[in-house]
Amino acid sequence: MEYKSRRKRARVIPFGYKRDNVDPDLLLPVPRELDLLEQAFKFLRTCSYEEVTRWLVEKSGRKLSMAGLWRFQAHVIVGAN
């Protein structure tokens, strides 16, 4: 899947993105993390947020809270960018 860059809108860099070295207001996608996030959303059908968050942190090596995963999923479900 192809992911697009996006403008930074908050202080915290969202999971699956990194700050661009040239333009600090631009976020570049991290395909591996975004692929893991897609898998995580599928796991949420049968696993708890706690289990999925733990798995995602272990696989990505990046911090993420259960609330952060919930907010990210809610954001994706409503189709907001």
C-alpha atoms as a PDB file:
ATOM      1  CA  MET A   1       0.000   0.000   0.000  1.00  0.00           C
ATOM      2  CA  GLU A   2       1.212   3.514  -0.761  1.00  0.00           C
ATOM      3  CA  TYR A   3       1.076   6.056   2.055  1.00  0.00           C
ATOM      4  CA  LYS A   4       1.059   9.838   1.708  1.00  0.00           C
ATOM      5  CA  SER A   5       2.897  12.477   3.678  1.00  0.00           C
ATOM      6  CA  ARG A   6       0.819  14.927   5.666  1.00  0.00           C
ATOM      7  CA  ARG A   7       1.107  18.199   7.532  1.00  0.00           C
ATOM      8  CA  LYS A   8       1.946  18.192  11.220  1.00  0.00           C
ATOM      9  CA  ARG A   9      -1.038  19.389  13.257  1.00  0.00           C
ATOM     10  CA  ALA A  10       0.026  18.687  16.827  1.00  0.00           C
ATOM     11  CA  ARG A  11       3.090  18.552  19.036  1.00  0.00           C
ATOM     12  CA  VAL A  12       3.180  14.749  19.109  1.00  0.00           C
ATOM     13  CA  ILE A  13       4.255  12.889  15.970  1.00  0.00           C
ATOM     14  CA  PRO A  14       1.605  10.216  15.293  1.00  0.00           C
ATOM     15  CA  PHE A  15       2.487   6.536  15.157  1.00  0.00           C
ATOM     16  CA  GLY A  16       3.494   5.566  11.630  1.00  0.00           C
ATOM     17  CA  TYR A  17       5.005   8.940  10.750  1.00  0.00           C
ATOM     18  CA  LYS A  18       8.290  10.787  11.231  1.00  0.00           C
ATOM     19  CA  ARG A  19       9.256  14.421  10.890  1.00  0.00           C
ATOM     20  CA  ASP A  20      10.811  15.485   7.591  1.00  0.00           C
ATOM     21  CA  ASN A  21      14.399  16.763   7.978  1.00  0.00           C
ATOM     22  CA  VAL A  22      13.878  19.545   5.428  1.00  0.00           C
ATOM     23  CA  ASP A  23      10.379  20.741   6.399  1.00  0.00           C
ATOM     24  CA  PRO A  24       9.658  20.190  10.126  1.00  0.00           C
ATOM     25  CA  ASP A  25       5.925  20.777   9.521  1.00  0.00           C
ATOM     26  CA  LEU A  26       5.751  17.818   7.132  1.00  0.00           C
ATOM     27  CA  LEU A  27       5.289  14.256   8.367  1.00  0.00           C
ATOM     28  CA  LEU A  28       6.620  11.407   6.266  1.00  0.00           C
ATOM     29  CA  PRO A  29       5.019   7.956   6.419  1.00  0.00           C
ATOM     30  CA  VAL A  30       6.934   5.033   7.903  1.00  0.00           C
ATOM     31  CA  PRO A  31       5.518   2.162   5.797  1.00  0.00           C
ATOM     32  CA  ARG A  32       6.601  -0.606   8.182  1.00  0.00           C
ATOM     33  CA  GLU A  33       4.828   1.035  11.136  1.00  0.00           C
ATOM     34  CA  LEU A  34       1.703   1.777   9.112  1.00  0.00           C
ATOM     35  CA  ASP A  35       1.587  -1.833   7.882  1.00  0.00           C
ATOM     36  CA  LEU A  36       1.867  -3.016  11.491  1.00  0.00           C
ATOM     37  CA  LEU A  37      -0.928  -0.636  12.440  1.00  0.00           C
ATOM     38  CA  GLU A  38      -3.184  -2.145   9.777  1.00  0.00           C
ATOM     39  CA  GLN A  39      -2.456  -5.595  11.188  1.00  0.00           C
ATOM     40  CA  ALA A  40      -3.182  -4.300  14.684  1.00  0.00           C
ATOM     41  CA  PHE A  41      -6.629  -3.078  13.612  1.00  0.00           C
ATOM     42  CA  LYS A  42      -7.399  -6.593  12.374  1.00  0.00           C
ATOM     43  CA  PHE A  43      -6.192  -8.097  15.678  1.00  0.00           C
ATOM     44  CA  LEU A  44      -8.585  -5.804  17.561  1.00  0.00           C
ATOM     45  CA  ARG A  45     -11.468  -7.909  16.253  1.00  0.00           C
ATOM     46  CA  THR A  46     -10.402 -10.761  18.537  1.00  0.00           C
ATOM     47  CA  CYS A  47      -7.924  -9.268  21.039  1.00  0.00           C
ATOM     48  CA  SER A  48      -8.026  -6.527  23.667  1.00  0.00           C
ATOM     49  CA  TYR A  49      -6.524  -3.073  23.218  1.00  0.00           C
ATOM     50  CA  GLU A  50      -3.966  -3.975  25.879  1.00  0.00           C
ATOM     51  CA  GLU A  51      -2.811  -7.098  24.014  1.00  0.00           C
ATOM     52  CA  VAL A  52      -2.696  -5.362  20.648  1.00  0.00           C
ATOM     53  CA  THR A  53      -0.862  -2.317  22.026  1.00  0.00           C
ATOM     54  CA  ARG A  54       1.727  -4.558  23.682  1.00  0.00           C
ATOM     55  CA  TRP A  55       2.209  -6.474  20.405  1.00  0.00           C
ATOM     56  CA  LEU A  56       2.504  -3.270  18.388  1.00  0.00           C
ATOM     57  CA  VAL A  57       5.081  -1.733  20.739  1.00  0.00           C
ATOM     58  CA  GLU A  58       7.095  -4.965  20.702  1.00  0.00           C
ATOM     59  CA  LYS A  59       7.066  -5.249  16.900  1.00  0.00           C
ATOM     60  CA  SER A  60       7.694  -1.569  16.127  1.00  0.00           C
ATOM     61  CA  GLY A  61       9.973  -0.575  18.969  1.00  0.00           C
ATOM     62  CA  ARG A  62       7.986   2.657  19.283  1.00  0.00           C
ATOM     63  CA  LYS A  63       5.954   3.825  22.285  1.00  0.00           C
ATOM     64  CA  LEU A  64       2.176   3.787  22.046  1.00  0.00           C
ATOM     65  CA  SER A  65      -0.531   3.765  24.716  1.00  0.00           C
ATOM     66  CA  MET A  66      -3.817   1.903  24.624  1.00  0.00           C
ATOM     67  CA  ALA A  67      -5.591   5.266  24.510  1.00  0.00           C
ATOM     68  CA  GLY A  68      -3.372   6.310  21.615  1.00  0.00           C
ATOM     69  CA  LEU A  69      -4.271   3.158  19.685  1.00  0.00           C
ATOM     70  CA  TRP A  70      -7.965   3.723  20.411  1.00  0.00           C
ATOM     71  CA  ARG A  71      -7.779   7.367  19.231  1.00  0.00           C
ATOM     72  CA  PHE A  72      -5.874   6.360  16.104  1.00  0.00           C
ATOM     73  CA  GLN A  73      -8.463   3.682  15.268  1.00  0.00           C
ATOM     74  CA  ALA A  74     -11.359   6.088  15.911  1.00  0.00           C
ATOM     75  CA  HIS A  75      -9.626   8.631  13.660  1.00  0.00           C
ATOM     76  CA  VAL A  76      -9.249   6.089  10.862  1.00  0.00           C
ATOM     77  CA  ILE A  77     -12.811   4.763  11.182  1.00  0.00           C
ATOM     78  CA  VAL A  78     -14.412   8.192  10.794  1.00  0.00           C
ATOM     79  CA  GLY A  79     -12.170   8.848   7.790  1.00  0.00           C
ATOM     80  CA  ALA A  80     -10.521  11.977   9.147  1.00  0.00           C
ATOM     81  CA  ASN A  81      -7.050  12.895   7.919  1.00  0.00           C
END
